Amino acid sequence: TLFRSATDMGIMNALIAAFTLLVVCLPEIKTCCSSGRTFIFPKESSTNGVIMNPEIPLELDAFTLCMRLTSELPNDRDIILFSYFKDGDELNIWREVDGRFSLYFRSSDRDSAVMFKLPPITTFSNHLCVTWESSTGLTAFWVNGERSVRKRYNSGFKVQPGGVVILGQDQDSVENSFDITQSFAGEIGRA
């Protein structure tokens, strides 16, 4: 679930942005499926992904992005969770090879991301959210209702509209060029 947010005295007021969800699988991948509101990625793949077409343009100066995650992938590999690509990586959320979770704006360079030490993704469902607000840059992750430390990241930035959102794959160009070693396998559901 993606929310647009406004900040009033440090309190995030969220407005839900509606999405049309479309599962993308190549014809030979018959096992990629949606079970209710949960997308199942049965194995690491360079083809399985979920395209999210926003009905409201993603022109954001604050947001809260939430999802339910379940995976048995090893903890020593990169995993892309959310990729919004316009002319480049506009907004990405990763589980890094060292186990930290990260948020990137307009970059794929680890030195330009904000990193958080969080509990690992496991075979048991975890509720994960990330919040960010432009005027202060305050960023935090939430896991099962518990907030991480807050960090400042890219104050003054604005997420630009016109890109493509894909869950479970890192876009190196719009809707193309996926790397199996960074793909997600498991379940991603709505929060």
Protein backbone atom coordinates (compact mmCIF):
# COMPACT_ATOMS: atom_id res chain seq x y z
CA THR A 1 0.00 0.00 0.00
CA LEU A 2 1.40 3.39 -0.91
CA PHE A 3 0.26 6.50 0.90
CA ARG A 4 0.72 10.18 0.15
CA SER A 5 1.44 12.00 3.40
CA ALA A 6 1.43 15.51 4.76
CA THR A 7 3.31 16.52 7.90
CA ASP A 8 1.59 18.60 10.59
CA MET A 9 3.64 19.12 13.76
CA GLY A 10 5.52 15.88 13.15
CA ILE A 11 2.37 13.75 12.67
CA MET A 12 1.98 11.93 9.34
CA ASN A 13 -1.56 12.18 7.93
CA ALA A 14 -1.93 9.63 5.14
CA LEU A 15 -4.13 9.73 2.04
CA ILE A 16 -4.37 6.43 0.19
CA ALA A 17 -3.24 6.50 -3.45
CA ALA A 18 -5.20 3.91 -5.45
CA PHE A 19 -3.40 1.44 -7.70
CA THR A 20 -4.29 -0.89 -10.47
CA LEU A 21 -2.23 -4.05 -10.04
CA LEU A 22 -1.17 -6.23 -12.94
CA VAL A 23 0.91 -9.41 -12.61
CA VAL A 24 3.60 -9.70 -15.27
CA CYS A 25 4.91 -13.14 -16.17
CA LEU A 26 6.40 -14.47 -19.34
CA PRO A 27 4.34 -17.28 -20.93
CA GLU A 28 6.73 -20.04 -19.81
CA ILE A 29 6.44 -18.93 -16.16
CA LYS A 30 3.04 -20.34 -15.21
CA THR A 31 3.72 -20.45 -11.47
CA CYS A 32 3.77 -16.69 -10.85
CA CYS A 33 0.42 -15.91 -9.38
CA SER A 34 -1.69 -13.75 -7.13
CA SER A 35 -3.44 -15.34 -4.16
CA GLY A 36 -6.03 -12.80 -3.05
CA ARG A 37 -4.00 -9.75 -2.13
CA THR A 38 -0.69 -11.57 -1.94
CA PHE A 39 1.68 -11.98 -4.88
CA ILE A 40 3.61 -15.23 -4.89
CA PHE A 41 7.09 -15.28 -6.41
CA PRO A 42 7.83 -19.04 -6.36
CA LYS A 43 11.54 -18.82 -7.21
CA GLU A 44 14.35 -16.46 -8.12
CA SER A 45 13.66 -15.28 -11.65
CA SER A 46 14.67 -12.76 -14.28
CA THR A 47 11.06 -12.56 -15.50
CA ASN A 48 8.56 -12.60 -12.59
CA GLY A 49 7.46 -9.22 -11.35
CA VAL A 50 4.39 -7.17 -10.51
CA ILE A 51 3.77 -3.88 -12.31
CA MET A 52 1.83 -1.31 -10.31
CA ASN A 53 0.14 1.37 -12.40
CA PRO A 54 -0.75 4.31 -10.13
CA GLU A 55 -4.08 6.00 -10.80
CA ILE A 56 -2.66 9.11 -9.11
CA PRO A 57 0.79 10.29 -10.34
CA LEU A 58 3.62 9.59 -7.90
CA GLU A 59 4.64 13.19 -7.37
CA LEU A 60 5.53 12.85 -3.71
CA ASP A 61 7.15 15.02 -1.07
CA ALA A 62 6.22 12.50 1.65
CA PHE A 63 5.09 8.90 1.71
CA THR A 64 4.50 5.76 3.72
CA LEU A 65 5.00 2.53 1.76
CA CYS A 66 3.88 -0.72 3.41
CA MET A 67 3.86 -4.40 2.46
CA ARG A 68 3.71 -7.84 4.03
CA LEU A 69 6.79 -9.95 3.27
CA THR A 70 7.64 -13.62 3.54
CA SER A 71 10.76 -15.20 2.06
CA GLU A 72 13.26 -18.00 2.54
CA LEU A 73 15.98 -16.41 0.42
CA PRO A 74 19.44 -16.46 2.00
CA ASN A 75 20.29 -13.44 4.13
CA ASP A 76 23.60 -12.88 2.32
CA ARG A 77 22.26 -11.59 -1.00
CA ASP A 78 20.68 -8.39 -2.33
CA ILE A 79 16.89 -8.48 -2.64
CA ILE A 80 14.89 -5.77 -4.39
CA LEU A 81 11.51 -5.17 -2.77
CA PHE A 82 10.21 -2.06 -4.56
CA SER A 83 11.50 -0.37 -7.72
CA TYR A 84 10.17 2.92 -9.14
CA PHE A 85 12.05 3.77 -12.33
CA LYS A 86 11.65 6.91 -14.42
CA ASP A 87 14.78 8.08 -16.26
CA GLY A 88 16.77 6.06 -13.75
CA ASP A 89 16.23 4.62 -10.28
CA GLU A 90 13.79 7.17 -8.81
CA LEU A 91 12.91 5.27 -5.61
CA ASN A 92 14.10 1.80 -4.58
CA ILE A 93 13.75 -0.26 -1.41
CA TRP A 94 16.27 -3.09 -0.90
CA ARG A 95 17.35 -5.71 1.57
CA GLU A 96 21.11 -5.40 1.13
CA VAL A 97 23.67 -8.21 0.98
CA ASP A 98 24.78 -7.33 4.54
CA GLY A 99 21.18 -7.67 5.82
CA ARG A 100 20.45 -3.95 6.17
CA PHE A 101 17.38 -2.40 4.55
CA SER A 102 17.82 0.65 2.36
CA LEU A 103 15.97 3.47 0.64
CA TYR A 104 17.45 5.04 -2.50
CA PHE A 105 16.37 8.13 -4.42
CA ARG A 106 17.68 8.70 -7.98
CA SER A 107 20.65 6.41 -7.52
CA SER A 108 21.76 2.84 -7.21
CA ASP A 109 25.01 3.78 -5.44
CA ARG A 110 25.10 2.34 -1.90
CA ASP A 111 26.89 5.45 -0.65
CA SER A 112 23.84 7.54 -1.58
CA ALA A 113 21.26 5.40 0.27
CA VAL A 114 19.98 5.54 3.80
CA MET A 115 20.51 2.18 5.57
CA PHE A 116 18.76 0.58 8.52
CA LYS A 117 19.53 -2.52 10.62
CA LEU A 118 16.24 -4.41 10.88
CA PRO A 119 15.18 -7.98 11.66
CA PRO A 120 15.62 -10.30 8.65
CA ILE A 121 12.82 -11.31 6.30
CA THR A 122 11.79 -14.82 7.32
CA THR A 123 9.34 -17.54 6.38
CA PHE A 124 6.89 -15.91 8.82
CA SER A 125 4.94 -12.89 7.57
CA ASN A 126 6.41 -9.53 8.51
CA HIS A 127 4.71 -6.17 8.08
CA LEU A 128 7.27 -3.68 6.70
CA CYS A 129 6.74 0.06 6.16
CA VAL A 130 9.06 2.90 5.28
CA THR A 131 8.17 6.55 5.86
CA TRP A 132 9.89 9.61 4.45
CA GLU A 133 9.13 13.33 4.53
CA SER A 134 10.89 15.87 2.31
CA SER A 135 10.97 19.06 4.39
CA THR A 136 12.98 17.44 7.21
CA GLY A 137 14.22 14.33 5.40
CA LEU A 138 13.09 12.21 8.35
CA THR A 139 13.03 8.55 7.34
CA ALA A 140 12.13 5.46 9.34
CA PHE A 141 11.33 1.82 8.76
CA TRP A 142 8.62 0.03 10.70
CA VAL A 143 8.61 -3.75 11.26
CA ASN A 144 5.48 -5.33 12.73
CA GLY A 145 4.43 -1.99 14.20
CA GLU A 146 7.81 -1.16 15.78
CA ARG A 147 9.65 1.93 14.48
CA SER A 148 13.38 1.96 13.76
CA VAL A 149 15.63 4.84 14.64
CA ARG A 150 14.82 7.90 12.48
CA LYS A 151 17.44 9.20 10.09
CA ARG A 152 17.65 12.27 7.85
CA TYR A 153 17.76 11.53 4.14
CA ASN A 154 17.49 13.81 1.10
CA SER A 155 15.56 16.71 2.59
CA GLY A 156 14.07 18.88 -0.16
CA PHE A 157 13.82 15.95 -2.61
CA LYS A 158 10.58 15.25 -4.50
CA VAL A 159 9.70 11.91 -6.12
CA GLN A 160 8.83 12.68 -9.75
CA PRO A 161 5.78 11.32 -11.62
CA GLY A 162 5.82 9.32 -14.83
CA GLY A 163 7.78 6.25 -13.79
CA VAL A 164 7.01 2.54 -13.56
CA VAL A 165 6.67 0.60 -10.29
CA ILE A 166 7.69 -3.05 -10.21
CA LEU A 167 7.70 -5.32 -7.16
CA GLY A 168 10.29 -8.09 -6.93
CA GLN A 169 12.65 -6.95 -9.71
CA ASP A 170 15.27 -4.20 -10.04
CA GLN A 171 14.66 -2.15 -13.16
CA ASP A 172 17.86 -1.18 -14.93
CA SER A 173 15.66 0.32 -17.66
CA VAL A 174 11.89 0.75 -17.85
CA GLU A 175 10.23 -2.69 -17.44
CA ASN A 176 13.33 -4.46 -18.78
CA SER A 177 16.74 -5.90 -17.95
CA PHE A 178 16.13 -7.89 -14.74
CA ASP A 179 18.94 -9.60 -12.79
CA ILE A 180 17.98 -12.97 -11.27
CA THR A 181 20.57 -12.52 -8.48
CA GLN A 182 18.65 -9.47 -7.17
CA SER A 183 15.12 -10.80 -7.65
CA PHE A 184 12.65 -11.46 -4.86
CA ALA A 185 11.28 -14.95 -4.13
CA GLY A 186 8.54 -15.43 -1.58
CA GLU A 187 5.35 -13.50 -0.96
CA ILE A 188 4.60 -9.78 -1.09
CA GLY A 189 1.17 -8.76 0.12
CA ARG A 190 -0.80 -5.67 0.85
CA ALA A 191 -0.52 -4.29 4.31
